[in-house]
Amino acid sequence: MLVACFQNTSGRSSERHMSSLRSGSKVMDRNRSSQGSQESTSELKEGHETPSEESTSVPITLLKPNATPAEIVEAMKHPTAGLCFINLQQNLPNLTFVTGEAVNWLTTHMEGVLTVEKGVQIMQTLHKEQLICHCSGDVSRPFVYGFYLFYLVPTEKDKDAYQPCGDLQIFENEWMEVEVKPALNWGLLMTPAHPQVPNSYSDRGSGVPHFLCEDIDAEYSDCDYNGPMYNRMRLETDVQGKSDRVEWGHARYQTVFRPDQAYELVVEWLTSSGSIIYELLAGWHRKAQACNLQMIPIPHDPLALPYSNKSDPLRGPIFVPLNLRCLEQNNDKLFKEFRMETYVERLFLFQEAIVQRFGFIPCQVEPANKTCASHEHQYIHATGTIFILVSSAAPKVRSRVNMSLSYARRYSIHADVVPSPHEEYITRHVSGKNKDDYDNSRKMGFLWCWNHLLSKRWRTNQAVDSNLQLKILKDFRDFCNNAEDRLRTFWLDSWMAKAKESSSSYNIANSRSSS
């Protein structure tokens, strides 16, 4: 059973969403040891003690920017204004906390800490000073922002406190830890940590669509491929103890959560009954709704591509062609204003802009070959009912030397040489007896597939039914076919946005030079 979880419109911090995705065997009784921010006080989770009115009325004394690491740790231990700790767990050290909550605590309790990056730097300093440590006891485990469990290292007076064994593998088999990263924003510049380039113009930080920017980055989503995309852990499925035998399974989960991407959690079992698994997932579904997350079941192979002879022939995807000829003027190629070697990347980003326009969000795809990133990009609709696949030109392990080949050769490699299964599938849909039927431009489009596992029981909005799905498909087809000149209008509006931004940046540059 695969479960996709993505964020609804909410103002809550991302790290709070991670607690609902923990293993069912970890039913925490968390004691409220601090008041925290006003938001965290109004959104108490299960297992927290509700602070009294006297404690909530205590004014918060902010730490000075030059506070020492020892002073920061002592402030975290404060009984009313300190950090929220996880207690009453026999396999966790005392004063255990969630890294994301610790960073948020610093932003509200210390002067000068206005960003998450600054808070992470301070916590990394505490880790370097050996004042905090990972709950596995592994001192080499770095501090990571998100749902990671760390604890305050006990002093000499607390020698009798529980000490972890230091085995990271055993800890990871029992606890689910997820790193929280900022939204990628479809490859546009948005992170505060991004270096600012003075005396130059970067349109990726403005309102210009990504596919028309000068400095495009079609591989922006590959930043999460540096480490393992998934971790595994043991999962106790019978959390309510209803079964008269031992039932368990495994959970395979993504290591990184981004608020603008779908998050995947895979549940695998062999010694568990169906009713027990259903109760476990239903409980997760209820908790996800409380955290303003949409949790839905998805097939193991969402697009049902013909990767093997066992592929489901009755669930093949629908090919939606993209009419590019309506965008060409005087038989000129698209993006002729840019370098020729960036054509394929811009074409992919243009397709992604269309997908974004219709309410889809990215789904990370684990590559079959660990040495290179996947060149197939999957997306899921905000309703959870539709999947879309868009392919880039080639595996992204190619060097920049190969990227500078001529457009004709690049495009022929993409369409004719060593086609992928989905490209063969598209070819069968567009091929015919006429010569024009084999035109490469007709192969440009999207693969569309329904999520047949999403029943009414899982839908948070009962208005989302099959009729709505068919309306979305019809609207998407009409748009891609340039019905009522919609695709061309979108293309021209994008160019107008680029021209407007270029003109404004030119005026700013002239005003600076004149001053």
Protein backbone atom coordinates (compact mmCIF):
# COMPACT_ATOMS: atom_id res chain seq x y z
CA MET A 1 0.00 0.00 0.00
CA LEU A 2 1.42 3.34 -1.07
CA VAL A 3 0.20 6.49 0.60
CA ALA A 4 0.81 9.95 -0.81
CA CYS A 5 0.60 12.82 1.63
CA PHE A 6 0.73 16.47 0.66
CA GLN A 7 -0.04 19.75 2.30
CA ASN A 8 -3.32 21.61 2.15
CA THR A 9 -3.45 25.39 2.31
CA SER A 10 -2.28 26.13 5.81
CA GLY A 11 -0.16 28.51 7.82
CA ARG A 12 1.18 25.86 10.16
CA SER A 13 4.86 25.09 10.27
CA SER A 14 5.97 22.10 8.21
CA GLU A 15 7.79 20.27 10.95
CA ARG A 16 4.56 19.82 12.90
CA HIS A 17 3.16 17.74 10.05
CA MET A 18 5.84 15.12 10.48
CA SER A 19 4.57 13.88 13.81
CA SER A 20 1.47 12.39 12.18
CA LEU A 21 3.61 10.16 9.97
CA ARG A 22 5.39 8.30 12.76
CA SER A 23 5.18 4.57 13.18
CA GLY A 24 2.04 3.27 14.82
CA SER A 25 4.16 1.62 17.50
CA LYS A 26 5.22 5.00 18.87
CA VAL A 27 2.19 6.38 20.64
CA MET A 28 3.83 9.24 22.47
CA ASP A 29 2.73 10.82 25.69
CA ARG A 30 4.30 14.20 25.36
CA ASN A 31 4.33 16.55 28.35
CA ARG A 32 3.93 20.23 27.74
CA SER A 33 7.01 21.70 29.40
CA SER A 34 6.93 25.07 27.73
CA GLN A 35 4.49 27.63 26.62
CA GLY A 36 6.14 28.18 23.22
CA SER A 37 4.64 30.51 20.71
CA GLN A 38 1.01 31.53 20.58
CA GLU A 39 0.44 29.33 17.54
CA SER A 40 1.81 26.20 19.15
CA THR A 41 -0.27 26.89 22.25
CA SER A 42 -3.49 26.99 20.24
CA GLU A 43 -2.58 23.84 18.31
CA LEU A 44 -1.82 21.37 21.08
CA LYS A 45 -1.12 17.86 19.90
CA GLU A 46 -2.25 14.64 21.48
CA GLY A 47 -0.28 13.80 24.61
CA HIS A 48 0.59 17.39 25.57
CA GLU A 49 -0.46 18.90 28.83
CA THR A 50 -2.50 22.06 28.50
CA PRO A 51 -0.67 24.84 30.31
CA SER A 52 -2.55 26.70 32.99
CA GLU A 53 -3.66 30.28 32.62
CA GLU A 54 -0.93 31.37 35.03
CA SER A 55 1.80 29.84 32.87
CA THR A 56 0.44 31.35 29.67
CA SER A 57 0.41 34.81 31.22
CA VAL A 58 4.13 34.71 32.03
CA PRO A 59 5.93 37.16 29.71
CA ILE A 60 8.65 35.71 27.51
CA THR A 61 12.17 36.94 28.25
CA LEU A 62 14.14 36.90 25.03
CA LEU A 63 17.69 35.65 24.98
CA LYS A 64 20.33 38.14 23.93
CA PRO A 65 22.08 37.62 20.59
CA ASN A 66 25.39 37.08 22.43
CA ALA A 67 24.00 34.42 24.77
CA THR A 68 26.39 31.53 25.38
CA PRO A 69 25.47 27.95 24.41
CA ALA A 70 25.13 27.06 28.08
CA GLU A 71 22.66 29.91 28.63
CA ILE A 72 20.62 28.77 25.64
CA VAL A 73 20.42 25.23 27.01
CA GLU A 74 19.34 26.50 30.43
CA ALA A 75 16.63 28.61 28.82
CA MET A 76 15.39 25.54 26.95
CA LYS A 77 15.00 23.73 30.28
CA HIS A 78 12.80 26.47 31.76
CA PRO A 79 9.61 24.85 33.11
CA THR A 80 7.20 27.39 31.62
CA ALA A 81 8.97 29.25 28.81
CA GLY A 82 11.31 26.48 27.75
CA LEU A 83 11.29 23.96 24.96
CA CYS A 84 8.65 21.26 24.60
CA PHE A 85 10.22 17.89 25.44
CA ILE A 86 9.14 14.31 24.75
CA ASN A 87 9.07 12.42 28.03
CA LEU A 88 7.72 9.14 29.42
CA GLN A 89 9.39 7.04 26.73
CA GLN A 90 11.54 4.24 28.09
CA ASN A 91 13.62 3.97 24.93
CA LEU A 92 14.31 7.70 24.64
CA PRO A 93 16.64 9.84 26.75
CA ASN A 94 15.29 12.53 29.03
CA LEU A 95 14.82 16.01 27.58
CA THR A 96 14.25 14.69 24.07
CA PHE A 97 12.98 17.26 21.57
CA VAL A 98 12.10 17.61 17.90
CA THR A 99 14.67 19.57 15.91
CA GLY A 100 12.08 21.58 14.00
CA GLU A 101 10.40 22.69 17.24
CA ALA A 102 13.77 23.66 18.72
CA VAL A 103 14.54 25.93 15.77
CA ASN A 104 11.09 27.50 15.94
CA TRP A 105 11.57 28.02 19.67
CA LEU A 106 14.76 29.96 18.98
CA THR A 107 13.00 32.22 16.49
CA THR A 108 10.49 33.26 19.18
CA HIS A 109 12.77 33.26 22.24
CA MET A 110 16.06 34.75 21.03
CA GLU A 111 16.83 38.17 19.64
CA GLY A 112 18.30 38.28 16.16
CA VAL A 113 17.03 34.83 15.14
CA LEU A 114 14.59 35.72 12.39
CA THR A 115 15.10 32.84 9.95
CA VAL A 116 15.22 29.08 10.09
CA GLU A 117 18.77 29.12 8.74
CA LYS A 118 19.96 31.23 11.68
CA GLY A 119 18.25 28.93 14.16
CA VAL A 120 19.83 25.87 12.55
CA GLN A 121 23.27 27.48 12.84
CA ILE A 122 22.77 28.02 16.57
CA MET A 123 21.61 24.44 17.10
CA GLN A 124 24.59 23.19 15.12
CA THR A 125 26.81 25.15 17.49
CA LEU A 126 25.16 23.41 20.46
CA HIS A 127 25.79 20.08 18.76
CA LYS A 128 29.43 20.98 18.15
CA GLU A 129 29.79 21.90 21.82
CA GLN A 130 28.34 18.44 22.68
CA LEU A 131 25.43 20.02 24.52
CA ILE A 132 22.90 18.17 22.36
CA CYS A 133 23.10 14.78 20.69
CA HIS A 134 21.04 12.54 18.44
CA CYS A 135 18.76 10.20 20.39
CA SER A 136 20.53 7.17 18.95
CA GLY A 137 23.63 8.20 20.85
CA ASP A 138 25.63 8.59 17.64
CA VAL A 139 27.65 11.77 18.22
CA SER A 140 28.56 11.98 14.53
CA ARG A 141 24.91 12.36 13.51
CA PRO A 142 24.55 15.99 12.35
CA PHE A 143 21.74 18.30 13.38
CA VAL A 144 18.99 18.30 10.75
CA TYR A 145 15.95 20.56 10.65
CA GLY A 146 12.66 18.69 10.58
CA PHE A 147 11.28 15.76 12.54
CA TYR A 148 14.57 14.52 14.00
CA LEU A 149 14.90 13.51 17.63
CA PHE A 150 17.74 15.05 19.66
CA TYR A 151 18.20 15.41 23.41
CA LEU A 152 20.01 17.69 25.82
CA VAL A 153 23.13 15.93 27.04
CA PRO A 154 22.76 15.32 30.81
CA THR A 155 25.16 16.90 33.27
CA GLU A 156 27.29 15.10 35.82
CA LYS A 157 24.40 15.23 38.29
CA ASP A 158 22.23 13.10 36.00
CA LYS A 159 24.52 10.12 35.51
CA ASP A 160 21.68 7.72 36.29
CA ALA A 161 19.63 8.98 33.33
CA TYR A 162 18.94 6.69 30.39
CA GLN A 163 21.86 6.59 27.96
CA PRO A 164 21.29 5.50 24.34
CA CYS A 165 23.33 2.60 23.00
CA GLY A 166 24.82 4.58 20.12
CA ASP A 167 23.58 2.18 17.41
CA LEU A 168 22.07 4.35 14.68
CA GLN A 169 20.73 1.40 12.68
CA ILE A 170 18.67 0.09 15.61
CA PHE A 171 17.26 3.57 16.24
CA GLU A 172 16.31 4.11 12.58
CA ASN A 173 14.52 0.77 12.60
CA GLU A 174 12.23 2.04 15.37
CA TRP A 175 11.82 5.74 14.62
CA MET A 176 10.85 7.62 11.50
CA GLU A 177 12.85 10.81 10.96
CA VAL A 178 12.22 13.21 8.09
CA GLU A 179 14.10 16.32 7.03
CA VAL A 180 12.00 19.39 6.23
CA LYS A 181 13.24 21.59 3.41
CA PRO A 182 11.75 24.76 1.89
CA ALA A 183 9.55 24.71 -1.17
CA LEU A 184 11.29 24.55 -4.55
CA ASN A 185 8.66 26.85 -6.07
CA TRP A 186 8.95 25.17 -9.48
CA GLY A 187 12.63 26.07 -9.80
CA LEU A 188 12.23 29.82 -9.30
CA LEU A 189 14.52 31.59 -6.87
CA MET A 190 12.81 31.88 -3.52
CA THR A 191 15.11 30.63 -0.75
CA PRO A 192 16.61 33.27 1.56
CA ALA A 193 19.88 31.35 1.52
CA HIS A 194 20.27 31.77 -2.26
CA PRO A 195 23.29 33.97 -3.03
CA GLN A 196 22.44 37.44 -4.18
CA VAL A 197 24.23 38.50 -7.37
CA PRO A 198 24.78 42.27 -7.46
CA ASN A 199 25.26 44.26 -10.66
CA SER A 200 23.38 41.66 -12.68
CA TYR A 201 19.82 40.83 -13.57
CA SER A 202 18.30 37.47 -12.64
CA ASP A 203 14.73 37.06 -13.90
CA ARG A 204 14.19 33.75 -12.07
CA GLY A 205 13.53 35.78 -8.93
CA SER A 206 10.82 37.83 -10.62
CA GLY A 207 7.47 37.08 -12.19
CA VAL A 208 8.95 35.67 -15.39
CA PRO A 209 7.96 32.05 -16.11
CA HIS A 210 10.82 29.64 -15.63
CA PHE A 211 10.87 28.48 -19.24
CA LEU A 212 11.52 32.06 -20.42
CA CYS A 213 14.22 32.92 -17.89
CA GLU A 214 17.78 33.49 -19.03
CA ASP A 215 19.31 31.20 -16.40
CA ILE A 216 17.03 28.17 -16.43
CA ASP A 217 17.57 25.12 -14.26
CA ALA A 218 15.60 22.14 -15.51
CA GLU A 219 17.32 19.93 -12.94
CA TYR A 220 16.28 21.98 -9.91
CA SER A 221 14.47 19.02 -8.34
CA ASP A 222 17.64 16.89 -8.32
CA CYS A 223 18.92 18.59 -5.18
CA ASP A 224 17.36 15.82 -3.06
CA TYR A 225 19.26 13.07 -4.88
CA ASN A 226 22.46 13.66 -2.91
CA GLY A 227 21.46 11.21 -0.20
CA PRO A 228 19.06 8.26 -0.01
CA MET A 229 15.55 9.16 -1.11
CA TYR A 230 13.92 6.49 1.09
CA ASN A 231 14.53 4.89 4.47
CA ARG A 232 13.02 1.74 5.89
CA MET A 233 11.80 0.88 9.38
CA ARG A 234 9.90 -1.80 11.24
CA LEU A 235 6.19 -1.10 11.62
CA GLU A 236 3.98 -2.56 14.33
CA THR A 237 0.64 -2.68 12.58
CA ASP A 238 -1.56 -3.83 15.48
CA VAL A 239 -1.38 -0.61 17.48
CA GLN A 240 -4.65 -1.30 19.33
CA GLY A 241 -3.71 -4.85 20.32
CA LYS A 242 -6.82 -6.45 18.81
CA SER A 243 -5.08 -9.42 17.22
CA ASP A 244 -4.29 -12.61 19.15
CA ARG A 245 -0.99 -13.01 17.28
CA VAL A 246 2.03 -10.89 16.49
CA GLU A 247 1.44 -8.70 13.44
CA TRP A 248 4.04 -6.42 11.94
CA GLY A 249 5.29 -4.96 8.68
CA HIS A 250 7.71 -2.47 7.20
CA ALA A 251 7.42 1.19 6.26
CA ARG A 252 9.39 2.78 3.46
CA TYR A 253 9.31 6.55 3.61
CA GLN A 254 10.89 9.51 1.87
CA THR A 255 13.70 11.18 3.78
CA VAL A 256 12.80 14.74 2.70
CA PHE A 257 9.53 16.64 3.02
CA ARG A 258 8.84 19.77 0.99
CA PRO A 259 5.54 21.66 1.37
CA ASP A 260 5.06 21.99 -2.40
CA GLN A 261 5.63 18.31 -3.21
CA ALA A 262 3.80 15.08 -2.56
CA TYR A 263 5.26 12.92 0.20
CA GLU A 264 5.26 9.14 -0.22
CA LEU A 265 4.96 6.52 2.50
CA VAL A 266 4.97 2.84 1.52
CA VAL A 267 3.47 0.25 3.88
CA GLU A 268 4.56 -3.35 3.31
CA TRP A 269 3.26 -6.33 5.27
CA LEU A 270 3.20 -10.11 5.12
CA THR A 271 2.17 -11.14 8.63
CA SER A 272 -0.72 -8.70 9.09
CA SER A 273 -4.42 -9.07 8.35
CA GLY A 274 -6.31 -6.69 6.11
CA SER A 275 -8.55 -5.37 8.87
CA ILE A 276 -5.57 -4.48 11.06
CA ILE A 277 -3.87 -2.65 8.20
CA TYR A 278 -7.07 -0.76 7.44
CA GLU A 279 -7.43 0.41 11.04
CA LEU A 280 -3.82 1.57 11.04
CA LEU A 281 -4.20 3.56 7.83
CA ALA A 282 -7.57 4.95 8.90
CA GLY A 283 -5.97 6.24 12.09
CA TRP A 284 -3.21 7.88 10.11
CA HIS A 285 -5.81 9.41 7.81
CA ARG A 286 -7.65 11.01 10.74
CA LYS A 287 -4.43 12.37 12.23
CA ALA A 288 -3.34 13.74 8.87
CA GLN A 289 -6.58 15.70 8.56
CA ALA A 290 -5.98 17.18 12.01
CA CYS A 291 -2.59 18.39 10.75
CA ASN A 292 -4.19 19.81 7.59
CA LEU A 293 -2.61 17.15 5.40
CA GLN A 294 -4.34 15.22 2.66
CA MET A 295 -3.48 11.52 2.88
CA ILE A 296 -4.55 9.27 0.01
CA PRO A 297 -3.75 5.75 -1.25
CA ILE A 298 -2.03 5.46 -4.62
CA PRO A 299 -1.11 2.46 -6.82
CA HIS A 300 2.39 1.03 -6.72
CA ASP A 301 2.70 1.97 -10.41
CA PRO A 302 0.59 5.13 -10.81
CA LEU A 303 0.99 5.41 -14.60
CA ALA A 304 0.84 1.65 -15.36
CA LEU A 305 3.61 1.99 -17.93
CA PRO A 306 4.68 -1.15 -19.85
CA TYR A 307 7.90 -1.71 -17.95
CA SER A 308 7.27 -5.46 -17.83
CA ASN A 309 4.90 -8.11 -19.15
CA LYS A 310 3.01 -7.93 -15.85
CA SER A 311 1.83 -4.37 -16.45
CA ASP A 312 -1.91 -3.86 -16.26
CA PRO A 313 -3.23 -3.49 -19.86
CA LEU A 314 -6.62 -2.22 -18.63
CA ARG A 315 -5.09 0.70 -16.76
CA GLY A 316 -2.92 2.22 -19.45
CA PRO A 317 -2.46 5.99 -19.35
CA ILE A 318 -4.16 8.43 -21.69
CA PHE A 319 -1.90 10.37 -24.03
CA VAL A 320 -2.74 14.08 -24.27
CA PRO A 321 -0.81 15.68 -27.17
CA LEU A 322 0.50 19.22 -26.91
CA ASN A 323 -0.09 21.41 -29.96
CA LEU A 324 3.17 23.28 -30.47
CA ARG A 325 2.53 24.28 -34.06
CA CYS A 326 0.07 26.95 -33.01
CA LEU A 327 2.90 28.68 -31.13
CA GLU A 328 5.33 28.77 -34.05
CA GLN A 329 5.39 31.92 -36.14
CA ASN A 330 6.57 31.76 -39.75
CA ASN A 331 7.68 28.16 -39.19
CA ASP A 332 10.29 29.34 -36.68
CA LYS A 333 11.25 27.03 -33.86
CA LEU A 334 10.18 27.86 -30.35
CA PHE A 335 12.65 29.64 -28.08
CA LYS A 336 14.68 30.87 -31.04
CA GLU A 337 15.57 33.91 -28.91
CA PHE A 338 17.63 31.70 -26.60
CA ARG A 339 20.61 29.43 -27.04
CA MET A 340 19.84 26.39 -29.13
CA GLU A 341 21.23 23.92 -26.60
CA THR A 342 18.62 25.01 -24.04
CA TYR A 343 15.66 24.16 -26.29
CA VAL A 344 14.77 20.79 -24.81
CA GLU A 345 15.09 22.03 -21.23
CA ARG A 346 12.84 25.01 -21.97
CA LEU A 347 10.31 22.76 -23.65
CA PHE A 348 10.15 20.58 -20.54
CA LEU A 349 9.77 23.64 -18.29
CA PHE A 350 6.98 24.87 -20.56
CA GLN A 351 5.15 21.57 -20.11
CA GLU A 352 5.70 21.82 -16.37
CA ALA A 353 4.22 25.33 -16.35
CA ILE A 354 1.07 23.93 -17.98
CA VAL A 355 0.89 21.18 -15.36
CA GLN A 356 1.28 23.75 -12.60
CA ARG A 357 -1.49 25.85 -14.14
CA PHE A 358 -3.97 22.97 -13.74
CA GLY A 359 -3.30 22.36 -10.04
CA PHE A 360 -0.70 19.58 -10.08
CA ILE A 361 2.23 19.24 -7.69
CA PRO A 362 5.44 17.24 -8.23
CA CYS A 363 6.02 13.68 -7.03
CA GLN A 364 9.63 12.65 -6.62
CA VAL A 365 10.48 9.54 -8.64
CA GLU A 366 13.26 7.27 -7.44
CA PRO A 367 15.53 6.46 -10.40
CA ALA A 368 16.12 2.83 -11.25
CA ASN A 369 19.78 3.64 -11.85
CA LYS A 370 21.24 5.09 -8.67
CA THR A 371 24.04 6.84 -10.57
CA CYS A 372 21.77 9.18 -12.51
CA ALA A 373 18.58 11.06 -11.82
CA SER A 374 15.29 9.98 -13.29
CA HIS A 375 14.25 11.73 -16.51
CA GLU A 376 10.58 11.00 -15.90
CA HIS A 377 8.69 13.55 -13.85
CA GLN A 378 5.41 12.60 -12.19
CA TYR A 379 2.78 14.95 -10.82
CA ILE A 380 -0.39 14.46 -8.82
CA HIS A 381 -3.46 16.68 -8.85
CA ALA A 382 -4.39 18.59 -5.71
CA THR A 383 -7.51 16.42 -5.41
CA GLY A 384 -5.37 13.26 -5.45
CA THR A 385 -7.40 11.77 -8.30
CA ILE A 386 -5.09 12.27 -11.30
CA PHE A 387 -1.48 11.50 -12.20
CA ILE A 388 0.53 13.09 -15.00
CA LEU A 389 3.92 12.11 -16.39
CA VAL A 390 6.25 14.45 -18.26
CA SER A 391 9.58 13.30 -19.61
CA SER A 392 12.69 15.41 -19.99
CA ALA A 393 14.96 14.93 -22.96
CA ALA A 394 17.51 12.51 -21.56
CA PRO A 395 18.93 11.11 -18.31
CA LYS A 396 20.51 13.98 -16.42
CA VAL A 397 23.84 12.22 -16.02
CA ARG A 398 24.84 13.63 -19.42
CA SER A 399 27.70 16.08 -19.42
CA ARG A 400 27.51 19.68 -20.57
CA VAL A 401 29.54 18.72 -23.64
CA ASN A 402 26.74 16.47 -24.81
CA MET A 403 24.25 19.19 -23.97
CA SER A 404 25.80 21.42 -26.63
CA LEU A 405 24.89 19.12 -29.54
CA SER A 406 22.75 20.46 -32.32
CA TYR A 407 19.01 20.67 -31.87
CA ALA A 408 18.27 18.13 -34.59
CA ARG A 409 20.45 15.48 -33.03
CA ARG A 410 19.21 16.25 -29.52
CA TYR A 411 15.61 15.89 -30.59
CA SER A 412 16.21 12.70 -32.54
CA ILE A 413 17.89 11.16 -29.50
CA HIS A 414 14.86 12.05 -27.44
CA ALA A 415 12.28 10.68 -29.84
CA ASP A 416 13.79 7.86 -31.85
CA VAL A 417 16.91 6.33 -30.28
CA VAL A 418 16.43 3.92 -27.38
CA PRO A 419 12.89 5.02 -26.54
CA SER A 420 11.62 4.59 -23.01
CA PRO A 421 8.47 2.55 -22.34
CA HIS A 422 6.29 5.63 -22.14
CA GLU A 423 7.70 6.94 -25.45
CA GLU A 424 6.85 3.64 -27.13
CA TYR A 425 3.37 3.94 -25.62
CA ILE A 426 2.96 7.42 -27.09
CA THR A 427 4.23 6.25 -30.48
CA ARG A 428 1.51 3.61 -30.65
CA HIS A 429 -1.08 6.32 -30.03
CA VAL A 430 0.10 8.76 -32.71
CA SER A 431 1.52 6.48 -35.42
CA GLY A 432 -0.39 5.78 -38.62
CA LYS A 433 -0.07 5.19 -42.32
CA ASN A 434 0.66 8.75 -43.38
CA LYS A 435 4.11 10.26 -43.22
CA ASP A 436 2.85 13.15 -41.13
CA ASP A 437 1.71 10.70 -38.47
CA TYR A 438 5.36 9.98 -37.64
CA ASP A 439 6.23 13.60 -37.03
CA ASN A 440 8.18 14.02 -33.79
CA SER A 441 6.18 17.07 -32.80
CA ARG A 442 3.09 14.90 -32.41
CA LYS A 443 4.85 12.91 -29.70
CA MET A 444 5.07 15.96 -27.46
CA GLY A 445 2.47 15.76 -24.72
CA PHE A 446 1.48 14.26 -21.39
CA LEU A 447 0.54 10.86 -20.01
CA TRP A 448 -2.66 11.08 -17.94
CA CYS A 449 -3.89 8.41 -15.53
CA TRP A 450 -6.62 8.12 -12.89
CA ASN A 451 -6.05 7.18 -9.26
CA HIS A 452 -8.45 4.23 -9.06
CA LEU A 453 -7.61 3.58 -5.38
CA LEU A 454 -9.13 6.84 -4.16
CA SER A 455 -12.59 5.83 -2.97
CA LYS A 456 -15.17 8.04 -1.30
CA ARG A 457 -13.96 6.90 2.10
CA TRP A 458 -10.58 8.54 1.48
CA ARG A 459 -11.82 11.73 -0.11
CA THR A 460 -11.87 14.78 2.11
CA ASN A 461 -14.04 16.63 -0.42
CA GLN A 462 -17.02 14.57 -1.53
CA ALA A 463 -17.64 16.98 -4.41
CA VAL A 464 -14.61 15.46 -6.15
CA ASP A 465 -16.16 12.65 -8.21
CA SER A 466 -15.73 11.03 -11.60
CA ASN A 467 -17.65 13.81 -13.34
CA LEU A 468 -15.19 16.39 -12.04
CA GLN A 469 -12.29 14.23 -13.20
CA LEU A 470 -13.70 14.01 -16.71
CA LYS A 471 -14.25 17.77 -16.76
CA ILE A 472 -10.62 18.35 -15.77
CA LEU A 473 -9.44 16.00 -18.51
CA LYS A 474 -11.60 17.72 -21.12
CA ASP A 475 -10.41 21.14 -20.00
CA PHE A 476 -6.78 19.98 -20.08
CA ARG A 477 -7.17 18.49 -23.55
CA ASP A 478 -8.82 21.63 -24.89
CA PHE A 479 -6.05 23.78 -23.46
CA CYS A 480 -3.26 21.63 -24.92
CA ASN A 481 -5.04 21.57 -28.30
CA ASN A 482 -5.30 25.38 -28.27
CA ALA A 483 -9.09 25.37 -28.17
CA GLU A 484 -10.41 28.94 -28.20
CA ASP A 485 -6.77 30.04 -28.59
CA ARG A 486 -6.11 29.34 -24.89
CA LEU A 487 -2.65 27.80 -25.27
CA ARG A 488 -1.45 30.57 -27.52
CA THR A 489 -2.86 33.19 -25.13
CA PHE A 490 -0.94 31.60 -22.27
CA TRP A 491 2.21 31.65 -24.41
CA LEU A 492 1.80 35.32 -25.33
CA ASP A 493 0.99 36.34 -21.75
CA SER A 494 4.19 34.65 -20.59
CA TRP A 495 6.22 36.64 -23.11
CA MET A 496 4.47 39.84 -22.04
CA ALA A 497 5.45 39.14 -18.42
CA LYS A 498 9.06 38.72 -19.50
CA ALA A 499 9.00 41.91 -21.56
CA LYS A 500 7.43 43.87 -18.70
CA GLU A 501 10.00 42.63 -16.20
CA SER A 502 12.88 43.33 -18.58
CA SER A 503 11.61 46.87 -19.12
CA SER A 504 11.27 47.54 -15.38
CA SER A 505 14.77 46.21 -14.70
CA TYR A 506 16.13 48.42 -17.50
CA ASN A 507 14.50 51.51 -15.96
CA ILE A 508 15.94 50.65 -12.56
CA ALA A 509 19.40 50.27 -14.06
CA ASN A 510 19.11 53.66 -15.81
CA SER A 511 17.97 55.38 -12.61
CA ARG A 512 20.93 53.94 -10.73
CA SER A 513 23.39 55.04 -13.40
CA SER A 514 21.95 58.56 -13.51
CA SER A 515 22.09 58.92 -9.74
